[in-house]
């Protein structure tokens, strides 16, 4: 398994989320981390990003 060049903190910044929100998402998805500076495995990063984008799409559809 490769590693993404993304940390939890970077994902939070890129998607305008708090680090606590992304850490909570990691907990919900069973993704292990040590801190918000943890570099994520590629598959874990993909799961988190997919989840964030799905939530945003769902929010957008509910507003329409």
C-alpha atoms as a PDB file:
ATOM      1  CA  UNK A   1       0.000   0.000   0.000  1.00  0.00           C
ATOM      2  CA  UNK A   2       1.371   3.395  -0.979  1.00  0.00           C
ATOM      3  CA  UNK A   3       1.194   6.571   0.985  1.00  0.00           C
ATOM      4  CA  UNK A   4      -0.576   9.721  -0.092  1.00  0.00           C
ATOM      5  CA  UNK A   5       1.392  12.892   0.398  1.00  0.00           C
ATOM      6  CA  UNK A   6      -1.478  14.243   2.506  1.00  0.00           C
ATOM      7  CA  UNK A   7      -1.875  14.671   6.210  1.00  0.00           C
ATOM      8  CA  UNK A   8      -5.140  14.960   8.093  1.00  0.00           C
ATOM      9  CA  UNK A   9      -4.360  18.647   8.708  1.00  0.00           C
ATOM     10  CA  UNK A  10      -3.829  19.245   4.981  1.00  0.00           C
ATOM     11  CA  UNK A  11      -7.124  17.586   4.088  1.00  0.00           C
ATOM     12  CA  UNK A  12      -8.881  19.741   6.672  1.00  0.00           C
ATOM     13  CA  UNK A  13      -7.329  22.904   5.220  1.00  0.00           C
ATOM     14  CA  UNK A  14      -7.999  21.910   1.598  1.00  0.00           C
ATOM     15  CA  UNK A  15     -11.674  21.182   2.272  1.00  0.00           C
ATOM     16  CA  UNK A  16     -12.343  23.992   4.768  1.00  0.00           C
ATOM     17  CA  UNK A  17     -12.982  21.599   7.640  1.00  0.00           C
ATOM     18  CA  UNK A  18     -11.622  21.655  11.153  1.00  0.00           C
ATOM     19  CA  UNK A  19      -8.955  19.123  12.017  1.00  0.00           C
ATOM     20  CA  UNK A  20     -11.349  17.782  14.659  1.00  0.00           C
ATOM     21  CA  UNK A  21     -13.945  17.059  11.960  1.00  0.00           C
ATOM     22  CA  UNK A  22     -11.454  15.075   9.879  1.00  0.00           C
ATOM     23  CA  UNK A  23     -10.136  13.249  12.951  1.00  0.00           C
ATOM     24  CA  UNK A  24     -13.725  12.356  13.858  1.00  0.00           C
ATOM     25  CA  UNK A  25     -14.270  11.084  10.334  1.00  0.00           C
ATOM     26  CA  UNK A  26     -11.144   8.924  10.664  1.00  0.00           C
ATOM     27  CA  UNK A  27     -12.552   7.490  13.892  1.00  0.00           C
ATOM     28  CA  UNK A  28     -15.913   6.766  12.233  1.00  0.00           C
ATOM     29  CA  UNK A  29     -14.217   5.065   9.289  1.00  0.00           C
ATOM     30  CA  UNK A  30     -11.757   3.111  11.441  1.00  0.00           C
ATOM     31  CA  UNK A  31      -8.687   4.864  10.031  1.00  0.00           C
ATOM     32  CA  UNK A  32      -5.737   4.842  12.417  1.00  0.00           C
ATOM     33  CA  UNK A  33      -3.742   8.017  13.075  1.00  0.00           C
ATOM     34  CA  UNK A  34      -1.410   9.423  15.718  1.00  0.00           C
ATOM     35  CA  UNK A  35      -2.048  13.141  15.202  1.00  0.00           C
ATOM     36  CA  UNK A  36      -3.389  15.574  12.637  1.00  0.00           C
ATOM     37  CA  UNK A  37       0.087  15.544  11.053  1.00  0.00           C
ATOM     38  CA  UNK A  38      -0.173  11.810  10.289  1.00  0.00           C
ATOM     39  CA  UNK A  39       0.520  11.039   6.628  1.00  0.00           C
ATOM     40  CA  UNK A  40      -2.229   8.815   5.329  1.00  0.00           C
ATOM     41  CA  UNK A  41      -2.067   5.608   3.372  1.00  0.00           C
ATOM     42  CA  UNK A  42      -3.292   6.198  -0.170  1.00  0.00           C
ATOM     43  CA  UNK A  43      -6.397   4.047   0.287  1.00  0.00           C
ATOM     44  CA  UNK A  44      -7.286   5.802   3.563  1.00  0.00           C
ATOM     45  CA  UNK A  45      -6.913   9.239   1.959  1.00  0.00           C
ATOM     46  CA  UNK A  46      -9.149   8.152  -0.922  1.00  0.00           C
ATOM     47  CA  UNK A  47     -11.808   6.897   1.495  1.00  0.00           C
ATOM     48  CA  UNK A  48     -11.780  10.150   3.481  1.00  0.00           C
ATOM     49  CA  UNK A  49     -11.901  12.357   0.386  1.00  0.00           C
ATOM     50  CA  UNK A  50     -14.679  10.267  -1.130  1.00  0.00           C
ATOM     51  CA  UNK A  51     -16.682  10.531   2.083  1.00  0.00           C
ATOM     52  CA  UNK A  52     -16.213  14.322   2.260  1.00  0.00           C
ATOM     53  CA  UNK A  53     -17.242  14.775  -1.376  1.00  0.00           C
ATOM     54  CA  UNK A  54     -20.266  12.505  -0.956  1.00  0.00           C
ATOM     55  CA  UNK A  55     -21.405  14.484   2.099  1.00  0.00           C
ATOM     56  CA  UNK A  56     -21.033  17.756   0.190  1.00  0.00           C
ATOM     57  CA  UNK A  57     -22.919  16.419  -2.810  1.00  0.00           C
ATOM     58  CA  UNK A  58     -25.692  15.202  -0.529  1.00  0.00           C
ATOM     59  CA  UNK A  59     -25.895  18.637   1.129  1.00  0.00           C
ATOM     60  CA  UNK A  60     -26.026  20.352  -2.245  1.00  0.00           C
ATOM     61  CA  UNK A  61     -28.823  18.064  -3.447  1.00  0.00           C
ATOM     62  CA  UNK A  62     -30.866  18.696  -0.296  1.00  0.00           C
ATOM     63  CA  UNK A  63     -30.577  22.457  -0.768  1.00  0.00           C
ATOM     64  CA  UNK A  64     -31.876  22.297  -4.369  1.00  0.00           C
END
